[in-house]
Amino acid sequence: MEILHSYIKATNTHNFDEVNKILHPNAVYFFSDRNSTNHEEIKSYFENAWSVVKDENYEAQEVHWLFKGSNSATCTYTYFFEGYINEKYAQGYGRATNIFVKESDEWLLIHEHLSPLPQ
C-alpha cells in the first residue's frame, strides 16, 4: 500500500513535521527500549535517533500485509537502517509492525512496534 511508502519517505526526510503529517492523533509507538504514547514523545525519539545516526537511510524490506480493509491495514516488515554513528558507517535490522487507519479518506499510522530480530 502506498501509505507505507509515504511513511518511509517521510522518515527519510529527517524532518518530524513530515512524519507527523502521517501520524494519527492517538498514535502509539513501541520501541525496543521504551513506549511513546503521544506526538511529543514520538518526535523526541525520532529526533534523537536522527542525531545519533547521521545521514540515516531507513527501509522496509520483506513487507507482508496481514490485513487490508477499507478502514484499516496492518503490515509487518524487516526494517533496515544505515548511516554514520560517530563518523563510522553502521547498519542494522529489526522487525516492525505497523497499523494504519483511514479517517476522512486519509490513511494515518496509529501504531508502530519495532524490536530486534530474534536470535
Protein backbone atom coordinates (compact mmCIF):
# COMPACT_ATOMS: atom_id res chain seq x y z
CA MET A 1 0.00 0.00 0.00
CA GLU A 2 1.16 3.49 -0.80
CA ILE A 3 0.83 4.68 2.82
CA LEU A 4 3.81 2.60 3.94
CA HIS A 5 5.92 4.02 1.12
CA SER A 6 4.84 7.54 2.12
CA TYR A 7 5.72 6.86 5.75
CA ILE A 8 9.20 5.56 4.90
CA LYS A 9 9.76 8.52 2.58
CA ALA A 10 8.70 10.95 5.35
CA THR A 11 11.02 9.21 7.82
CA ASN A 12 13.96 9.63 5.44
CA THR A 13 13.44 13.40 5.27
CA HIS A 14 14.74 13.56 8.88
CA ASN A 15 12.07 16.21 9.44
CA PHE A 16 9.48 15.24 12.04
CA ASP A 17 6.95 17.66 10.55
CA GLU A 18 6.81 15.34 7.52
CA VAL A 19 6.36 12.23 9.69
CA ASN A 20 3.75 14.00 11.79
CA LYS A 21 1.54 14.52 8.71
CA ILE A 22 1.07 10.73 8.59
CA LEU A 23 0.52 10.13 12.31
CA HIS A 24 -2.91 9.59 13.79
CA PRO A 25 -3.61 11.90 16.78
CA ASN A 26 -3.67 8.81 19.06
CA ALA A 27 -0.52 7.19 17.62
CA VAL A 28 1.45 4.93 19.97
CA TYR A 29 4.93 3.55 19.30
CA PHE A 30 6.54 0.57 20.99
CA PHE A 31 10.30 0.83 20.60
CA SER A 32 12.66 -1.82 21.94
CA ASP A 33 13.67 0.43 24.86
CA ARG A 34 10.51 2.46 25.56
CA ASN A 35 6.94 3.28 24.62
CA SER A 36 5.95 6.64 23.19
CA THR A 37 2.30 7.48 23.71
CA ASN A 38 1.99 10.99 22.30
CA HIS A 39 3.40 13.03 19.44
CA GLU A 40 5.95 14.86 21.61
CA GLU A 41 7.45 11.59 22.85
CA ILE A 42 7.47 10.17 19.33
CA LYS A 43 9.12 13.33 17.99
CA SER A 44 11.77 13.20 20.71
CA TYR A 45 12.58 9.58 19.88
CA PHE A 46 12.85 10.26 16.13
CA GLU A 47 14.97 13.37 16.57
CA ASN A 48 17.31 11.59 18.97
CA ALA A 49 17.73 8.70 16.51
CA TRP A 50 18.47 11.13 13.68
CA SER A 51 21.08 12.88 15.82
CA VAL A 52 22.81 9.58 16.65
CA VAL A 53 22.65 8.02 13.16
CA LYS A 54 23.78 10.73 10.75
CA ASP A 55 22.58 10.58 7.13
CA GLU A 56 20.37 7.65 8.03
CA ASN A 57 18.59 5.72 5.31
CA TYR A 58 15.62 3.68 6.56
CA GLU A 59 13.92 0.95 4.53
CA ALA A 60 11.06 -1.51 4.87
CA GLN A 61 12.04 -4.91 3.45
CA GLU A 62 10.10 -8.17 3.20
CA VAL A 63 6.77 -6.39 3.70
CA HIS A 64 3.78 -8.64 4.47
CA TRP A 65 0.30 -7.14 4.58
CA LEU A 66 -1.57 -9.14 7.19
CA PHE A 67 -4.83 -7.27 6.63
CA LYS A 68 -6.04 -4.66 4.16
CA GLY A 69 -9.54 -3.42 4.82
CA SER A 70 -11.47 -0.35 3.80
CA ASN A 71 -10.61 1.47 7.05
CA SER A 72 -7.56 -0.30 8.48
CA ALA A 73 -4.46 -2.15 7.34
CA THR A 74 -1.70 -3.98 9.19
CA CYS A 75 1.73 -4.96 7.91
CA THR A 76 4.92 -6.49 9.21
CA TYR A 77 8.35 -5.97 7.73
CA THR A 78 12.05 -6.17 8.35
CA TYR A 79 13.43 -2.69 8.84
CA PHE A 80 16.91 -1.83 7.66
CA PHE A 81 18.86 1.27 8.56
CA GLU A 82 22.25 2.55 7.57
CA GLY A 83 24.14 5.72 8.34
CA TYR A 84 27.06 7.01 10.35
CA ILE A 85 27.46 6.69 14.10
CA ASN A 86 30.44 8.61 15.46
CA GLU A 87 31.59 9.09 11.84
CA LYS A 88 31.74 5.32 11.22
CA TYR A 89 29.40 3.51 8.84
CA ALA A 90 26.78 1.45 10.68
CA GLN A 91 23.80 -0.63 9.67
CA GLY A 92 21.20 -2.76 11.35
CA TYR A 93 18.00 -4.74 11.01
CA GLY A 94 14.95 -5.37 13.12
CA ARG A 95 11.30 -6.20 12.81
CA ALA A 96 8.34 -3.89 12.63
CA THR A 97 4.57 -3.96 12.78
CA ASN A 98 2.57 -1.00 11.53
CA ILE A 99 -1.16 -0.40 11.84
CA PHE A 100 -2.80 2.19 9.63
CA VAL A 101 -6.35 3.54 9.86
CA LYS A 102 -8.34 5.51 7.35
CA GLU A 103 -10.15 8.59 8.62
CA SER A 104 -11.80 11.19 6.40
CA ASP A 105 -10.33 9.47 3.31
CA GLU A 106 -6.81 9.80 4.70
CA TRP A 107 -4.57 6.91 5.79
CA LEU A 108 -2.73 7.53 9.07
CA LEU A 109 -0.32 5.49 11.17
CA ILE A 110 -1.84 4.71 14.57
CA HIS A 111 0.68 2.15 15.86
CA GLU A 112 4.25 1.04 15.22
CA HIS A 113 6.10 -1.68 17.10
CA LEU A 114 9.84 -2.04 16.50
CA SER A 115 12.02 -4.74 18.02
CA PRO A 116 15.27 -6.57 17.37
CA LEU A 117 15.28 -9.69 15.22
CA PRO A 118 15.12 -12.89 17.28
CA GLN A 119 18.44 -14.59 17.97
